[in-house]
C-alpha cells in the first residue's frame, strides 16, 4: 500500500492545523454556518440528525493493522466505541463532537489517514475490487491506477468545486466487483492481441434520483493517457455541468442532455490540448505506483496438498466447512485463500464494527494476512492473503468475536445505509428493516437454497445503500409524514449492469419481511434448475412478481384477502 513521504505528511499536518483554526473560529462565532459549510465538507464532516458524522478516507479500501488500531482508539475515545464501513469503502464515525474533530484528524494523521475529499463537490475516494492483486480472474492489479488517480485528484485546485460530487471506480478483473457501470467514470483494464494493457472508459453512470448506466466513450485508451483523458472529461463537466439545480448537476445528466456522441466529441476536443502533456504517464511513474503493491513474501507451498488438507478439515467440522465455502475465495497463489469477514450478523447494523473487533482484526491481520485488511463496498472486510492451513484457527477466533457469519453474497448480506436513525437526508429508517429481514430469514439452509442474492436498502433517493442495483432493492419514502418502503427488482452491479424496476406501490415497515418472503417464495416456485433470482427475474419479467399486497402475518396463516387475486402469491409456509 502507499506510504506517505515527507511532503504528503506535511500537507496533511498543515490541513489539520487549518481546520483546527477554522473550527475554533466557527465555535467562537467569528464565521457563520454558511461560511463553515464548505470548510467542514472539505474535511469530511457532515451534520446529521443526532451529531456530526466524520467520513474517513480509505483509498481503494486498503488499510494496515496500525491504522485499524488507531481507528479503534479513536472510536473509543471520541465516539461510542464503534465505526461504520460505508459503501465507498470508507470508515465513518457517527457521534464525534464538533470541537474534537480537529483532534481526531490529528490522530489520523499520525497513521497516514485523513478525511480530505470524502465529501463536497470534488473527486471522491477512488474505489476498486476488494480482491485486487489476489483475484484469480484478474488481468492486472488496478490499485496502482487508483493510487495514481488519488494523488492526481487530491487537492487538485481545478476540481475542488465541481458542479456536484464525482466518483471514479477501476476494474481489472473478468468479474466487475467495483460497479464501474454505476460511477461518474468507470475504468476497465483490458488487453489486446499484442499483450498490451489499455483502458475502456465509461462516463455518466450513477444512482440517486435519476439512476443511469455509464456509456462507453472510449473503447481503448493507452494507459499512459489515463490522467490527461480523465482531466479532459472533468474539464468538460466543470464547464458545462449545471450549477443551478443540484438534482440535475451530476455528469450523468450532462451526458444525457448532450448525447453520448456529442459529449465524446467535446472530451476529444478538450483532450487535444492535454494529450502528451505534463500529466502523461511515463513507464517510470507506472513502475513507481506498482512498487507500492509488490507481492508480499508468500510461502511456496504445494497447492494440491494444502487444498486436500483443507478439505479434510472441512469434512471433520461441517460448520467450519460451510464458512470456508461461503466466506472464502480462491487465491492466485497456491496454498492461500481470500477471506471475507461478514459485518452482517443479525441484530447488528450492517457495516458496523466495534473498537474491540477492530483491535482483534488488526491482530489477525498481523498474524494471518501480512498486516493488511480491505474494506468492501458491500460493507464487509477482507483478509486477502490467508494460508489454507491457518483458516481453521482464524475461523475460531472470528467466531468468538461474532465475525464468522457464513452469509457472504446471500440474502442476509444486506447493504444498508444508516438511514433515518442517523442521516438528516433520509425519508425513512433503513436499519430496522434490515434487521427484521435478517431475523425472518434466520434459516441459513433456506438462504443458501435461494442462491446468490443481493438485497440493498436506502433510506432516501440519494441511494447510499445502492438499492437501484440490488437484485432486490428497498427504498424508504415519505408519505404524508409516514415512512413507507418501495421495492425494486432486477438490478445488477456486475458487467451485465442493470437498474432495478419498481415492483408497485410502497409498503409499511412492518410488512416488509412478509413482502420479501412472498417474493422469494414466488421465485422458488418459478425458477428453473440452477437459476439465480436475477436469472429468473430476467426470464419471467416483473409482471410475474407484481401485485404483492401483504397483511401482517398472512404468510403464516395462509392467503390474505389482499392477495386473493394473485394465485402466485398464495403460499403458506416456506420451510
Protein backbone atom coordinates (compact mmCIF):
# COMPACT_ATOMS: atom_id res chain seq x y z
CA UNK A 1 0.00 0.00 0.00
CA UNK A 2 1.04 3.59 -0.49
CA UNK A 3 3.33 5.11 2.15
CA UNK A 4 3.46 8.88 2.70
CA UNK A 5 6.66 10.74 2.00
CA UNK A 6 7.66 13.88 3.91
CA UNK A 7 5.64 16.11 1.58
CA UNK A 8 2.48 14.05 1.96
CA UNK A 9 2.78 14.17 5.74
CA UNK A 10 3.44 17.91 5.74
CA UNK A 11 0.35 18.57 3.61
CA UNK A 12 -1.88 16.51 5.91
CA UNK A 13 -0.46 18.07 9.08
CA UNK A 14 -0.94 21.58 7.70
CA UNK A 15 -4.50 20.74 6.67
CA UNK A 16 -5.27 19.62 10.23
CA UNK A 17 -3.91 22.90 11.60
CA UNK A 18 -6.01 24.90 9.13
CA UNK A 19 -9.20 23.09 10.08
CA UNK A 20 -8.43 23.41 13.79
CA UNK A 21 -8.30 27.18 13.34
CA UNK A 22 -11.43 27.21 11.19
CA UNK A 23 -13.37 25.15 13.73
CA UNK A 24 -12.26 27.36 16.62
CA UNK A 25 -13.37 30.47 14.75
CA UNK A 26 -16.74 28.90 13.93
CA UNK A 27 -17.36 27.87 17.53
CA UNK A 28 -16.39 31.37 18.65
CA UNK A 29 -18.95 32.87 16.28
CA UNK A 30 -16.36 34.56 14.08
CA UNK A 31 -17.50 32.78 10.92
CA UNK A 32 -21.06 31.84 10.01
CA UNK A 33 -22.54 28.40 9.46
CA UNK A 34 -22.77 29.14 5.74
CA UNK A 35 -19.09 30.06 5.63
CA UNK A 36 -18.13 26.99 7.67
CA UNK A 37 -20.13 24.61 5.46
CA UNK A 38 -17.62 24.24 2.59
CA UNK A 39 -14.74 24.15 5.06
CA UNK A 40 -16.16 21.23 7.03
CA UNK A 41 -17.21 19.37 3.89
CA UNK A 42 -13.67 19.63 2.55
CA UNK A 43 -12.62 17.78 5.70
CA UNK A 44 -15.24 15.04 5.61
CA UNK A 45 -17.58 16.46 8.25
CA UNK A 46 -21.36 16.28 7.87
CA UNK A 47 -24.16 17.42 10.17
CA UNK A 48 -26.52 14.51 10.86
CA UNK A 49 -29.71 14.11 12.90
CA UNK A 50 -28.10 13.42 16.26
CA UNK A 51 -24.48 14.51 15.89
CA UNK A 52 -21.82 15.33 13.30
CA UNK A 53 -20.60 12.48 11.12
CA UNK A 54 -16.95 12.23 10.11
CA UNK A 55 -16.08 10.24 7.00
CA UNK A 56 -12.51 8.93 6.94
CA UNK A 57 -10.84 8.20 3.60
CA UNK A 58 -9.70 4.63 2.91
CA UNK A 59 -8.08 4.78 -0.54
CA UNK A 60 -9.28 1.85 -2.67
CA UNK A 61 -10.33 0.11 0.58
CA UNK A 62 -6.83 -0.76 1.80
CA UNK A 63 -5.70 -0.35 5.44
CA UNK A 64 -2.92 -1.71 7.60
CA UNK A 65 -3.10 -3.04 11.15
CA UNK A 66 -1.64 0.14 12.64
CA UNK A 67 -4.46 2.14 11.08
CA UNK A 68 -7.06 -0.31 12.38
CA UNK A 69 -5.73 0.09 15.90
CA UNK A 70 -5.87 3.87 15.58
CA UNK A 71 -9.47 3.69 14.34
CA UNK A 72 -10.34 1.52 17.34
CA UNK A 73 -8.71 4.02 19.70
CA UNK A 74 -10.43 6.99 18.09
CA UNK A 75 -13.85 5.30 18.13
CA UNK A 76 -13.43 4.51 21.80
CA UNK A 77 -12.08 7.91 22.91
CA UNK A 78 -14.02 10.26 20.64
CA UNK A 79 -17.12 8.29 19.64
CA UNK A 80 -19.30 5.49 21.02
CA UNK A 81 -16.91 2.61 20.57
CA UNK A 82 -17.73 1.57 17.02
CA UNK A 83 -17.19 2.62 13.41
CA UNK A 84 -19.13 2.06 10.20
CA UNK A 85 -17.89 0.79 6.82
CA UNK A 86 -19.52 2.78 4.02
CA UNK A 87 -20.44 1.67 0.52
CA UNK A 88 -17.50 3.75 -0.76
CA UNK A 89 -15.06 1.61 1.26
CA UNK A 90 -14.54 4.48 3.71
CA UNK A 91 -14.92 4.48 7.51
CA UNK A 92 -17.49 6.69 9.24
CA UNK A 93 -17.83 7.91 12.83
CA UNK A 94 -21.42 8.77 13.73
CA UNK A 95 -21.03 10.51 17.10
CA UNK A 96 -17.97 12.79 17.22
CA UNK A 97 -18.19 16.18 18.96
CA UNK A 98 -17.51 19.07 16.61
CA UNK A 99 -14.92 20.64 18.90
CA UNK A 100 -12.97 17.37 18.96
CA UNK A 101 -12.92 16.70 15.20
CA UNK A 102 -9.57 18.51 14.72
CA UNK A 103 -8.12 16.24 17.41
CA UNK A 104 -9.45 13.19 15.56
CA UNK A 105 -7.91 14.41 12.32
CA UNK A 106 -4.60 14.97 14.08
CA UNK A 107 -4.72 11.40 15.43
CA UNK A 108 -5.49 10.07 11.96
CA UNK A 109 -2.54 11.96 10.51
CA UNK A 110 -0.18 10.01 12.77
CA UNK A 111 -1.07 6.84 10.84
CA UNK A 112 -1.25 8.42 7.39
CA UNK A 113 -5.02 8.79 7.24
CA UNK A 114 -7.26 11.81 6.68
CA UNK A 115 -10.79 12.84 5.70
CA UNK A 116 -9.96 15.11 2.78
CA UNK A 117 -12.38 14.91 -0.18
CA UNK A 118 -14.69 12.38 1.44
CA UNK A 119 -17.47 14.93 0.98
CA UNK A 120 -18.17 18.05 -1.02
CA UNK A 121 -18.32 18.64 -4.77
CA UNK A 122 -14.96 17.15 -5.60
CA UNK A 123 -13.40 13.88 -6.78
CA UNK A 124 -14.22 11.40 -4.02
CA UNK A 125 -12.37 8.26 -2.96
CA UNK A 126 -11.48 6.13 -5.99
CA UNK A 127 -12.69 2.57 -5.41
CA UNK A 128 -11.86 -0.82 -6.84
CA UNK A 129 -12.19 -4.58 -6.42
CA UNK A 130 -11.75 -5.69 -2.81
CA UNK A 131 -9.80 -8.70 -4.15
CA UNK A 132 -7.41 -6.57 -6.22
CA UNK A 133 -3.96 -8.11 -6.52
CA UNK A 134 -5.03 -11.58 -5.34
CA UNK A 135 -8.04 -12.48 -7.52
CA UNK A 136 -7.70 -15.40 -9.91
CA UNK A 137 -9.66 -13.63 -12.64
CA UNK A 138 -7.53 -10.50 -12.60
CA UNK A 139 -5.90 -9.20 -15.78
CA UNK A 140 -3.85 -6.57 -13.99
CA UNK A 141 -3.83 -5.12 -10.47
CA UNK A 142 -5.99 -1.96 -10.59
CA UNK A 143 -4.64 -0.48 -7.35
CA UNK A 144 -1.64 1.33 -8.91
CA UNK A 145 -4.06 3.11 -11.25
CA UNK A 146 -6.27 4.02 -8.29
CA UNK A 147 -3.26 5.38 -6.44
CA UNK A 148 -2.21 7.48 -9.41
CA UNK A 149 -5.75 8.89 -9.64
CA UNK A 150 -5.74 9.53 -5.89
CA UNK A 151 -2.52 11.51 -6.00
CA UNK A 152 -3.62 13.46 -9.08
CA UNK A 153 -7.09 14.32 -7.79
CA UNK A 154 -6.33 15.10 -4.14
CA UNK A 155 -6.40 18.87 -3.58
CA UNK A 156 -6.44 19.43 -7.35
CA UNK A 157 -7.31 23.16 -7.49
CA UNK A 158 -9.23 22.92 -10.76
CA UNK A 159 -11.60 20.24 -9.47
CA UNK A 160 -12.19 21.36 -5.87
CA UNK A 161 -15.62 22.88 -6.65
CA UNK A 162 -17.24 20.76 -9.33
CA UNK A 163 -20.97 21.08 -10.10
CA UNK A 164 -21.54 18.01 -7.92
CA UNK A 165 -19.66 15.17 -6.22
CA UNK A 166 -17.67 12.94 -8.55
CA UNK A 167 -16.88 9.24 -8.23
CA UNK A 168 -14.42 7.03 -10.12
CA UNK A 169 -14.03 3.24 -9.98
CA UNK A 170 -11.47 0.93 -11.61
CA UNK A 171 -11.87 -2.75 -12.51
CA UNK A 172 -9.01 -5.05 -13.52
CA UNK A 173 -10.73 -8.44 -13.50
CA UNK A 174 -13.12 -10.56 -15.54
CA UNK A 175 -15.85 -10.06 -12.95
CA UNK A 176 -16.73 -6.49 -12.09
CA UNK A 177 -16.59 -6.20 -8.30
CA UNK A 178 -16.22 -2.40 -8.46
CA UNK A 179 -19.56 -1.49 -10.09
CA UNK A 180 -17.84 0.58 -12.80
CA UNK A 181 -21.05 0.96 -14.82
CA UNK A 182 -22.63 2.92 -11.97
CA UNK A 183 -19.96 5.58 -11.48
CA UNK A 184 -19.39 9.04 -12.92
CA UNK A 185 -16.33 7.49 -14.55
CA UNK A 186 -15.69 3.76 -14.75
CA UNK A 187 -12.36 2.40 -15.98
CA UNK A 188 -11.93 -1.20 -17.11
CA UNK A 189 -8.45 -2.60 -17.66
CA UNK A 190 -8.33 -4.86 -20.71
CA UNK A 191 -5.78 -6.45 -23.01
CA UNK A 192 -5.33 -6.69 -26.76
CA UNK A 193 -3.87 -9.30 -29.12
CA UNK A 194 -0.41 -7.78 -28.71
CA UNK A 195 -0.47 -8.33 -24.96
CA UNK A 196 -0.80 -4.62 -24.19
CA UNK A 197 -2.98 -3.25 -21.38
CA UNK A 198 -5.39 -0.43 -22.11
CA UNK A 199 -8.46 1.17 -20.58
CA UNK A 200 -12.11 1.20 -21.55
CA UNK A 201 -13.69 4.43 -20.33
CA UNK A 202 -17.33 4.70 -19.26
CA UNK A 203 -18.94 8.00 -18.28
CA UNK A 204 -22.28 9.04 -16.85
CA UNK A 205 -23.21 6.19 -14.57
CA UNK A 206 -24.66 6.80 -11.14
CA UNK A 207 -27.52 6.18 -8.75
CA UNK A 208 -29.52 8.73 -6.79
CA UNK A 209 -32.73 10.31 -8.09
CA UNK A 210 -32.01 9.51 -11.72
CA UNK A 211 -30.07 6.23 -11.85
CA UNK A 212 -28.11 5.62 -15.03
CA UNK A 213 -25.73 3.08 -16.52
CA UNK A 214 -22.50 4.58 -17.80
CA UNK A 215 -21.88 4.92 -21.53
CA UNK A 216 -18.65 3.88 -23.21
CA UNK A 217 -16.93 6.94 -24.67
CA UNK A 218 -13.58 5.27 -25.37
CA UNK A 219 -13.19 1.59 -26.19
CA UNK A 220 -9.40 1.60 -25.91
CA UNK A 221 -7.23 4.22 -24.23
CA UNK A 222 -3.50 3.74 -23.90
CA UNK A 223 -2.80 3.67 -20.17
CA UNK A 224 -0.25 6.48 -20.47
CA UNK A 225 -3.12 8.81 -21.39
CA UNK A 226 -5.27 7.94 -18.37
CA UNK A 227 -4.84 11.20 -16.47
CA UNK A 228 -4.99 13.50 -19.48
CA UNK A 229 -8.22 11.84 -20.62
CA UNK A 230 -9.74 12.00 -17.14
CA UNK A 231 -8.78 15.65 -16.97
CA UNK A 232 -10.49 16.29 -20.30
CA UNK A 233 -13.69 14.67 -19.02
CA UNK A 234 -13.64 16.68 -15.82
CA UNK A 235 -12.98 19.92 -17.70
CA UNK A 236 -15.99 19.35 -19.94
CA UNK A 237 -18.09 18.59 -16.88
CA UNK A 238 -16.78 21.61 -14.99
CA UNK A 239 -17.57 23.90 -17.91
CA UNK A 240 -20.96 22.56 -18.90
CA UNK A 241 -22.40 20.80 -15.85
CA UNK A 242 -25.42 22.52 -14.31
CA UNK A 243 -24.92 24.54 -11.13
CA UNK A 244 -28.41 25.99 -10.84
CA UNK A 245 -30.05 22.76 -9.65
CA UNK A 246 -28.11 20.24 -7.56
CA UNK A 247 -30.55 17.49 -8.52
CA UNK A 248 -29.55 17.92 -12.17
CA UNK A 249 -25.86 18.62 -11.62
CA UNK A 250 -24.31 15.15 -11.91
CA UNK A 251 -22.35 14.30 -15.05
CA UNK A 252 -24.94 11.67 -15.99
CA UNK A 253 -27.44 14.50 -16.59
CA UNK A 254 -24.94 16.32 -18.78
CA UNK A 255 -24.17 13.20 -20.83
CA UNK A 256 -27.87 12.58 -21.39
CA UNK A 257 -28.56 16.22 -22.28
CA UNK A 258 -25.68 16.46 -24.76
CA UNK A 259 -25.95 12.91 -26.06
CA UNK A 260 -23.11 10.42 -25.80
CA UNK A 261 -21.63 11.24 -29.20
CA UNK A 262 -21.61 14.99 -28.58
CA UNK A 263 -20.15 14.50 -25.12
CA UNK A 264 -17.43 12.25 -26.53
CA UNK A 265 -16.63 14.87 -29.17
CA UNK A 266 -16.35 17.58 -26.53
CA UNK A 267 -13.98 15.42 -24.49
CA UNK A 268 -11.85 14.61 -27.54
CA UNK A 269 -11.65 18.32 -28.39
CA UNK A 270 -10.59 19.19 -24.83
CA UNK A 271 -8.12 16.32 -24.86
CA UNK A 272 -6.25 17.77 -27.85
CA UNK A 273 -4.73 20.42 -25.60
CA UNK A 274 -3.84 17.89 -22.87
CA UNK A 275 -2.70 14.79 -24.73
CA UNK A 276 1.03 14.11 -24.34
CA UNK A 277 1.21 16.95 -21.82
CA UNK A 278 2.82 17.01 -18.34
CA UNK A 279 0.36 14.52 -16.82
CA UNK A 280 1.05 11.85 -19.42
CA UNK A 281 2.07 8.72 -17.51
CA UNK A 282 5.60 7.51 -18.10
CA UNK A 283 6.76 3.93 -17.66
CA UNK A 284 8.75 5.13 -14.65
CA UNK A 285 5.69 6.59 -12.99
CA UNK A 286 3.68 3.43 -13.58
CA UNK A 287 6.52 1.35 -12.12
CA UNK A 288 6.69 3.67 -9.12
CA UNK A 289 2.99 3.22 -8.47
CA UNK A 290 3.23 -0.55 -8.88
CA UNK A 291 6.10 -0.67 -6.38
CA UNK A 292 3.67 0.14 -3.56
CA UNK A 293 1.76 -3.07 -4.31
CA UNK A 294 4.54 -5.62 -4.67
CA UNK A 295 3.53 -9.14 -3.72
CA UNK A 296 4.17 -9.95 -0.06
CA UNK A 297 6.55 -12.70 0.98
CA UNK A 298 4.32 -15.65 0.12
CA UNK A 299 5.46 -19.08 1.19
CA UNK A 300 5.99 -21.57 -1.60
CA UNK A 301 3.55 -24.42 -0.99
CA UNK A 302 2.15 -27.47 -2.70
CA UNK A 303 -1.28 -26.11 -3.56
CA UNK A 304 -2.88 -29.51 -4.12
CA UNK A 305 -1.62 -30.78 -0.77
CA UNK A 306 -2.82 -27.64 1.03
CA UNK A 307 -6.24 -27.95 -0.61
CA UNK A 308 -6.51 -31.61 0.37
CA UNK A 309 -5.62 -30.78 3.98
CA UNK A 310 -8.24 -28.02 4.00
CA UNK A 311 -10.84 -30.36 2.57
CA UNK A 312 -10.09 -32.81 5.34
CA UNK A 313 -10.58 -30.12 7.98
CA UNK A 314 -13.86 -29.10 6.36
CA UNK A 315 -15.05 -32.71 6.42
CA UNK A 316 -14.20 -33.08 10.10
CA UNK A 317 -16.06 -29.89 11.06
CA UNK A 318 -19.09 -29.19 8.89
CA UNK A 319 -19.68 -25.74 10.41
CA UNK A 320 -16.15 -24.69 9.52
CA UNK A 321 -16.56 -26.24 6.08
CA UNK A 322 -19.68 -24.19 5.49
CA UNK A 323 -17.84 -20.98 6.44
CA UNK A 324 -14.98 -21.84 4.07
CA UNK A 325 -17.46 -22.44 1.27
CA UNK A 326 -19.40 -19.24 1.82
CA UNK A 327 -16.80 -16.74 3.06
CA UNK A 328 -13.54 -17.62 1.31
CA UNK A 329 -12.49 -17.40 -2.32
CA UNK A 330 -9.73 -18.81 -4.49
CA UNK A 331 -6.38 -17.02 -4.38
CA UNK A 332 -3.93 -16.64 -7.25
CA UNK A 333 -1.11 -18.08 -5.11
CA UNK A 334 -1.26 -21.84 -4.36
CA UNK A 335 -1.93 -22.61 -0.71
CA UNK A 336 -3.75 -19.34 0.09
CA UNK A 337 -7.38 -18.23 0.28
CA UNK A 338 -9.11 -14.84 0.36
CA UNK A 339 -11.28 -14.43 3.47
CA UNK A 340 -14.30 -12.11 3.59
CA UNK A 341 -15.32 -11.17 7.12
CA UNK A 342 -19.05 -10.62 7.38
CA UNK A 343 -20.23 -7.49 9.22
CA UNK A 344 -23.82 -8.67 8.79
CA UNK A 345 -24.64 -10.62 11.94
CA UNK A 346 -28.35 -10.48 12.74
CA UNK A 347 -29.14 -7.87 15.36
CA UNK A 348 -26.31 -5.54 14.39
CA UNK A 349 -26.34 -2.67 11.91
CA UNK A 350 -24.84 -3.80 8.58
CA UNK A 351 -21.31 -2.48 8.25
CA UNK A 352 -20.80 -1.60 11.92
CA UNK A 353 -17.65 -2.83 13.67
CA UNK A 354 -16.77 -2.27 17.32
CA UNK A 355 -13.50 -0.98 18.72
CA UNK A 356 -12.81 -4.40 20.22
CA UNK A 357 -13.43 -6.08 16.87
CA UNK A 358 -11.15 -3.59 15.12
CA UNK A 359 -8.36 -4.37 17.56
CA UNK A 360 -8.86 -8.10 17.06
CA UNK A 361 -8.87 -7.69 13.30
CA UNK A 362 -5.61 -5.75 13.50
CA UNK A 363 -4.11 -8.65 15.43
CA UNK A 364 -5.49 -11.19 12.95
CA UNK A 365 -4.19 -9.15 10.01
CA UNK A 366 -0.72 -9.17 11.59
CA UNK A 367 -0.86 -12.88 12.25
CA UNK A 368 -2.54 -14.17 9.12
CA UNK A 369 -2.50 -11.60 6.28
CA UNK A 370 0.70 -9.54 6.12
CA UNK A 371 -0.78 -6.81 8.36
CA UNK A 372 -3.29 -5.64 5.73
CA UNK A 373 -7.08 -5.59 5.63
CA UNK A 374 -9.51 -4.35 2.99
CA UNK A 375 -12.93 -2.75 3.21
CA UNK A 376 -15.59 -3.54 0.61
CA UNK A 377 -18.44 -1.54 -0.88
CA UNK A 378 -20.68 -4.36 0.39
CA UNK A 379 -19.75 -3.10 3.90
CA UNK A 380 -17.61 -6.09 4.86
CA UNK A 381 -13.89 -6.57 5.48
CA UNK A 382 -11.36 -8.83 3.75
CA UNK A 383 -8.15 -10.56 4.74
CA UNK A 384 -6.59 -11.06 1.35
CA UNK A 385 -3.73 -13.49 1.98
CA UNK A 386 -4.51 -16.31 4.43
CA UNK A 387 -2.76 -19.66 4.26
CA UNK A 388 -5.16 -22.56 3.93
CA UNK A 389 -3.51 -24.27 6.89
CA UNK A 390 -4.38 -21.27 9.10
CA UNK A 391 -8.02 -20.92 8.14
CA UNK A 392 -9.34 -23.09 10.98
CA UNK A 393 -7.54 -21.11 13.67
CA UNK A 394 -8.64 -17.85 12.06
CA UNK A 395 -12.25 -19.02 11.88
CA UNK A 396 -12.29 -19.95 15.56
CA UNK A 397 -11.10 -16.51 16.55
CA UNK A 398 -13.59 -14.80 14.27
CA UNK A 399 -16.38 -16.92 15.76
CA UNK A 400 -15.53 -15.78 19.25
CA UNK A 401 -15.82 -12.15 18.14
CA UNK A 402 -19.11 -12.59 16.26
CA UNK A 403 -17.41 -12.11 12.90
CA UNK A 404 -17.92 -15.51 11.29
CA UNK A 405 -21.46 -15.27 9.92
CA UNK A 406 -21.35 -17.51 6.79
CA UNK A 407 -23.54 -15.39 4.52
CA UNK A 408 -21.32 -13.58 2.02
CA UNK A 409 -23.20 -13.00 -1.22
CA UNK A 410 -26.50 -14.28 0.15
CA UNK A 411 -29.77 -12.64 1.19
CA UNK A 412 -28.76 -11.58 4.70
CA UNK A 413 -25.50 -10.00 3.50
CA UNK A 414 -27.51 -6.79 3.18
CA UNK A 415 -26.10 -3.47 2.01
CA UNK A 416 -27.78 -0.78 4.09
CA UNK A 417 -27.25 2.94 4.60
CA UNK A 418 -27.59 4.41 8.14
CA UNK A 419 -31.00 5.80 7.15
CA UNK A 420 -33.27 7.86 9.34
CA UNK A 421 -31.61 6.75 12.57
CA UNK A 422 -28.68 8.99 11.69
CA UNK A 423 -28.91 10.77 8.34
CA UNK A 424 -30.73 14.10 8.13
CA UNK A 425 -31.50 13.48 4.44
CA UNK A 426 -33.28 10.17 4.95
CA UNK A 427 -37.02 9.79 4.44
CA UNK A 428 -37.22 6.57 6.43
CA UNK A 429 -35.24 4.26 8.66
CA UNK A 430 -33.17 1.55 7.00
CA UNK A 431 -31.59 -0.36 9.87
CA UNK A 432 -34.83 -1.74 11.42
CA UNK A 433 -35.91 -3.06 8.02
CA UNK A 434 -32.57 -4.80 7.52
CA UNK A 435 -32.72 -6.33 10.99
CA UNK A 436 -36.30 -7.54 10.51
CA UNK A 437 -35.44 -9.22 7.20
CA UNK A 438 -32.32 -10.83 8.66
CA UNK A 439 -34.36 -12.11 11.60
CA UNK A 440 -37.07 -13.51 9.32
CA UNK A 441 -34.54 -15.38 7.20
CA UNK A 442 -32.60 -16.98 10.05
CA UNK A 443 -32.67 -20.42 8.43
CA UNK A 444 -29.35 -20.49 6.59
CA UNK A 445 -30.25 -23.67 4.71
CA UNK A 446 -33.15 -21.81 3.12
CA UNK A 447 -30.96 -18.77 2.45
CA UNK A 448 -28.40 -20.96 0.68
CA UNK A 449 -31.14 -22.65 -1.32
CA UNK A 450 -32.17 -19.23 -2.63
CA UNK A 451 -28.71 -18.90 -4.14
CA UNK A 452 -26.69 -15.71 -4.60
CA UNK A 453 -28.96 -12.78 -3.88
CA UNK A 454 -28.15 -9.12 -3.29
CA UNK A 455 -30.60 -7.10 -1.19
CA UNK A 456 -29.81 -3.39 -0.81
CA UNK A 457 -31.63 -0.79 1.32
CA UNK A 458 -31.55 3.01 1.08
CA UNK A 459 -33.33 5.47 3.35
CA UNK A 460 -33.79 8.05 0.59
CA UNK A 461 -33.34 8.72 -3.12
CA UNK A 462 -29.67 9.58 -2.67
CA UNK A 463 -29.21 5.79 -2.82
CA UNK A 464 -26.27 5.43 -0.43
CA UNK A 465 -27.47 1.85 0.05
CA UNK A 466 -27.32 1.20 -3.71
CA UNK A 467 -30.93 -0.01 -3.82
CA UNK A 468 -31.17 0.55 -7.59
CA UNK A 469 -28.56 -2.15 -8.30
CA UNK A 470 -29.62 -4.79 -5.80
CA UNK A 471 -31.29 -7.89 -7.16
CA UNK A 472 -33.91 -6.70 -4.67
CA UNK A 473 -33.78 -3.05 -3.69
CA UNK A 474 -35.70 -1.30 -0.93
CA UNK A 475 -36.14 2.48 -0.83
CA UNK A 476 -37.53 4.43 2.10
CA UNK A 477 -40.10 7.03 1.02
CA UNK A 478 -42.18 9.61 2.85
CA UNK A 479 -45.95 9.55 2.54
CA UNK A 480 -47.54 12.49 4.33
CA UNK A 481 -45.08 12.20 7.19
CA UNK A 482 -45.19 8.40 7.43
CA UNK A 483 -42.40 6.02 6.49
CA UNK A 484 -43.10 3.62 3.62
CA UNK A 485 -40.88 1.40 1.51
CA UNK A 486 -40.75 0.93 -2.24
CA UNK A 487 -39.37 -2.30 -3.71
CA UNK A 488 -37.48 -2.61 -6.98
CA UNK A 489 -36.28 -5.76 -8.70
CA UNK A 490 -33.65 -6.80 -11.21
CA UNK A 491 -30.72 -4.50 -10.53
CA UNK A 492 -27.15 -5.62 -11.10
CA UNK A 493 -23.78 -4.05 -10.32
CA UNK A 494 -21.86 -6.55 -12.48
CA UNK A 495 -20.79 -6.25 -16.11
CA UNK A 496 -24.34 -7.16 -17.12
CA UNK A 497 -25.33 -3.92 -15.38
CA UNK A 498 -28.99 -3.09 -14.91
CA UNK A 499 -31.18 -0.71 -12.93
CA UNK A 500 -33.98 -2.26 -10.92
CA UNK A 501 -37.63 -1.74 -11.87
CA UNK A 502 -40.22 -0.66 -9.31
CA UNK A 503 -42.46 -3.51 -8.18
CA UNK A 504 -45.50 -1.37 -7.41
CA UNK A 505 -46.95 0.75 -4.60
CA UNK A 506 -44.97 1.08 -1.40
CA UNK A 507 -45.36 -0.94 1.79
CA UNK A 508 -45.43 -0.23 5.50
CA UNK A 509 -42.33 -1.02 7.52
CA UNK A 510 -43.96 -3.85 9.46
CA UNK A 511 -44.98 -5.56 6.22
CA UNK A 512 -41.53 -5.66 4.66
CA UNK A 513 -40.46 -9.14 5.91
CA UNK A 514 -43.71 -10.60 4.52
CA UNK A 515 -43.25 -8.79 1.22
CA UNK A 516 -39.74 -10.18 0.80
CA UNK A 517 -40.91 -13.61 1.96
CA UNK A 518 -43.66 -13.66 -0.67
CA UNK A 519 -41.31 -12.53 -3.42
CA UNK A 520 -38.80 -15.21 -2.62
CA UNK A 521 -41.41 -17.93 -2.27
CA UNK A 522 -42.67 -16.99 -5.71
CA UNK A 523 -39.14 -17.04 -7.09
CA UNK A 524 -38.59 -20.54 -5.71
CA UNK A 525 -41.78 -21.66 -7.43
CA UNK A 526 -40.87 -20.08 -10.77
CA UNK A 527 -37.15 -20.74 -11.03
CA UNK A 528 -35.66 -23.37 -13.28
CA UNK A 529 -32.71 -25.57 -12.37
CA UNK A 530 -29.53 -23.65 -11.48
CA UNK A 531 -31.24 -20.29 -11.90
CA UNK A 532 -30.44 -17.43 -9.54
CA UNK A 533 -33.01 -14.85 -8.51
CA UNK A 534 -31.69 -12.44 -11.14
CA UNK A 535 -31.79 -15.16 -13.81
CA UNK A 536 -35.41 -15.94 -13.02
CA UNK A 537 -36.40 -12.29 -12.89
CA UNK A 538 -34.89 -11.66 -16.30
CA UNK A 539 -36.62 -14.69 -17.77
CA UNK A 540 -40.13 -14.21 -16.37
CA UNK A 541 -40.20 -10.41 -16.07
CA UNK A 542 -41.52 -8.19 -13.34
CA UNK A 543 -45.13 -8.94 -14.28
CA UNK A 544 -44.83 -12.36 -12.68
CA UNK A 545 -43.83 -10.71 -9.42
CA UNK A 546 -46.14 -7.72 -9.34
CA UNK A 547 -49.20 -7.30 -7.18
CA UNK A 548 -47.87 -8.39 -3.80
CA UNK A 549 -50.04 -6.87 -1.10
CA UNK A 550 -49.38 -8.43 2.26
CA UNK A 551 -51.15 -8.22 5.57
CA UNK A 552 -49.05 -8.78 8.70
CA UNK A 553 -48.91 -12.47 9.49
CA UNK A 554 -50.61 -13.51 6.26
CA UNK A 555 -47.78 -15.76 5.17
CA UNK A 556 -48.05 -17.92 8.26
CA UNK A 557 -51.86 -18.00 8.25
CA UNK A 558 -52.47 -18.73 4.58
CA UNK A 559 -53.86 -16.41 1.92
CA UNK A 560 -54.84 -12.91 3.00
CA UNK A 561 -57.76 -11.05 1.48
CA UNK A 562 -55.33 -8.63 -0.15
CA UNK A 563 -53.54 -11.44 -2.03
CA UNK A 564 -56.58 -13.44 -3.06
CA UNK A 565 -56.49 -12.00 -6.57
CA UNK A 566 -52.95 -13.21 -7.17
CA UNK A 567 -52.75 -17.03 -7.20
CA UNK A 568 -48.94 -16.95 -7.48
CA UNK A 569 -48.62 -15.40 -4.03
CA UNK A 570 -50.85 -17.94 -2.26
CA UNK A 571 -48.11 -19.58 -0.25
CA UNK A 572 -48.25 -20.87 3.28
CA UNK A 573 -45.04 -21.87 4.99
CA UNK A 574 -41.82 -21.87 3.04
CA UNK A 575 -39.95 -24.23 5.37
